[in-house]
Amino acid sequence: MDVGKLGLDATKLGYAKATLTAVNVYGIDIVNGMATSNSRKTAILPSSVTTDVFSIYDINGDHVVNGADLSLAFYYYQSKAGDSNWELAKVADVNGDGVVDMIDLVAIYANYIP
């Protein structure tokens, strides 16, 4: 599965499922302290692994980005790091700047699926 498509599915749908059978690992080869080339190795997993991918815009965790998520973000509007409710409110801080503000609300709305 293409990682970019998986990310897009999770963002727009609120949830996606991925089954992995191999993993590509990228790195830089170092010889005598100098980077010589980019390397890529593929690790074949002993059996497939299935994982769930959630959208950061799915505030309430119901696998869809909708009005309920926007309502919850409005509830936490203007909450900031250090506030007594921050442990609950920080889920609505989708841009991670330490405050639930209009930028977060607009981002959630932009990913809203009516």
Protein backbone atom coordinates (compact mmCIF):
# COMPACT_ATOMS: atom_id res chain seq x y z
CA MET A 1 0.00 0.00 0.00
CA ASP A 2 1.30 3.45 -0.86
CA VAL A 3 2.05 5.39 2.34
CA GLY A 4 0.93 8.67 0.76
CA LYS A 5 -2.44 7.20 -0.15
CA LEU A 6 -2.78 5.65 3.30
CA GLY A 7 -2.14 9.07 4.88
CA LEU A 8 -4.70 10.70 2.57
CA ASP A 9 -7.30 8.03 3.36
CA ALA A 10 -6.76 8.47 7.10
CA THR A 11 -6.96 12.25 6.85
CA LYS A 12 -10.10 12.39 4.74
CA LEU A 13 -11.96 9.40 6.15
CA GLY A 14 -10.82 9.62 9.74
CA TYR A 15 -9.58 6.04 9.66
CA ALA A 16 -7.77 3.59 7.43
CA LYS A 17 -6.50 0.04 7.84
CA ALA A 18 -3.09 -1.03 6.58
CA THR A 19 -1.71 -4.53 6.17
CA LEU A 20 2.08 -4.67 5.99
CA THR A 21 4.07 -7.56 4.57
CA ALA A 22 7.40 -5.78 4.01
CA VAL A 23 9.01 -2.60 5.25
CA ASN A 24 11.50 -0.42 3.36
CA VAL A 25 14.15 1.12 5.59
CA TYR A 26 16.10 4.10 4.29
CA GLY A 27 19.37 5.38 5.69
CA ILE A 28 22.75 6.82 4.89
CA ASP A 29 25.86 4.65 4.61
CA ILE A 30 28.82 6.03 6.54
CA VAL A 31 32.38 5.10 5.52
CA ASN A 32 35.31 6.61 7.42
CA GLY A 33 32.97 9.15 8.99
CA MET A 34 31.66 10.38 5.63
CA ALA A 35 28.21 9.84 4.12
CA THR A 36 28.74 7.79 0.96
CA SER A 37 25.27 6.97 -0.33
CA ASN A 38 21.67 6.54 0.52
CA SER A 39 20.81 2.93 1.17
CA ARG A 40 17.54 1.07 1.08
CA LYS A 41 16.87 -2.27 2.65
CA THR A 42 13.67 -4.22 2.52
CA ALA A 43 12.68 -6.27 5.54
CA ILE A 44 10.16 -9.00 4.88
CA LEU A 45 7.96 -9.49 7.91
CA PRO A 46 7.41 -13.10 9.06
CA SER A 47 3.67 -12.61 8.70
CA SER A 48 1.52 -9.68 7.71
CA VAL A 49 0.81 -7.04 10.32
CA THR A 50 -2.45 -5.10 10.32
CA THR A 51 -2.62 -1.69 11.93
CA ASP A 52 -5.18 1.07 12.22
CA VAL A 53 -4.36 4.61 11.10
CA PHE A 54 -6.44 7.46 12.48
CA SER A 55 -6.79 11.04 11.36
CA ILE A 56 -5.70 13.78 13.76
CA TYR A 57 -8.93 15.55 12.77
CA ASP A 58 -11.06 12.73 14.20
CA ILE A 59 -11.22 14.37 17.63
CA ASN A 60 -13.72 11.97 19.21
CA GLY A 61 -12.23 8.80 17.70
CA ASP A 62 -15.35 7.53 15.91
CA HIS A 63 -13.47 6.92 12.61
CA VAL A 64 -15.03 9.82 10.72
CA VAL A 65 -14.32 13.56 10.62
CA ASN A 66 -17.69 15.26 11.03
CA GLY A 67 -19.68 17.83 12.98
CA ALA A 68 -19.16 15.97 16.25
CA ASP A 69 -15.42 16.56 15.98
CA LEU A 70 -15.92 20.22 15.20
CA SER A 71 -18.31 20.57 18.16
CA LEU A 72 -15.80 18.99 20.50
CA ALA A 73 -13.07 21.33 19.25
CA PHE A 74 -15.39 24.29 19.86
CA TYR A 75 -15.94 23.00 23.40
CA TYR A 76 -12.18 23.14 24.01
CA TYR A 77 -11.72 26.43 22.15
CA GLN A 78 -9.05 28.67 23.75
CA SER A 79 -7.78 25.88 26.01
CA LYS A 80 -4.01 25.93 26.22
CA ALA A 81 -1.12 23.91 27.60
CA GLY A 82 -1.04 24.27 31.37
CA ASP A 83 -4.82 24.60 31.75
CA SER A 84 -6.46 22.14 34.11
CA ASN A 85 -8.35 20.54 31.19
CA TRP A 86 -5.38 20.33 28.82
CA GLU A 87 -5.00 16.54 29.02
CA LEU A 88 -8.49 16.25 27.48
CA ALA A 89 -8.37 19.38 25.32
CA LYS A 90 -5.03 18.75 23.60
CA VAL A 91 -6.65 16.27 21.21
CA ALA A 92 -8.29 19.30 19.54
CA ASP A 93 -4.91 21.05 19.13
CA VAL A 94 -4.41 19.49 15.70
CA ASN A 95 -1.48 21.71 14.71
CA GLY A 96 0.34 21.06 17.99
CA ASP A 97 1.05 24.67 18.94
CA GLY A 98 -0.20 24.31 22.52
CA VAL A 99 -3.53 26.09 22.14
CA VAL A 100 -6.91 25.17 20.65
CA ASP A 101 -7.60 28.17 18.46
CA MET A 102 -9.23 29.19 15.19
CA ILE A 103 -6.40 27.60 13.19
CA ASP A 104 -7.31 24.20 14.65
CA LEU A 105 -11.03 24.70 14.03
CA VAL A 106 -10.42 25.67 10.40
CA ALA A 107 -8.16 22.64 9.88
CA ILE A 108 -10.81 20.30 11.28
CA TYR A 109 -13.51 21.96 9.17
CA ALA A 110 -11.34 21.65 6.05
CA ASN A 111 -11.29 17.87 6.60
CA TYR A 112 -14.97 17.62 7.52
CA ILE A 113 -17.01 15.00 5.66
CA PRO A 114 -20.71 15.93 5.75
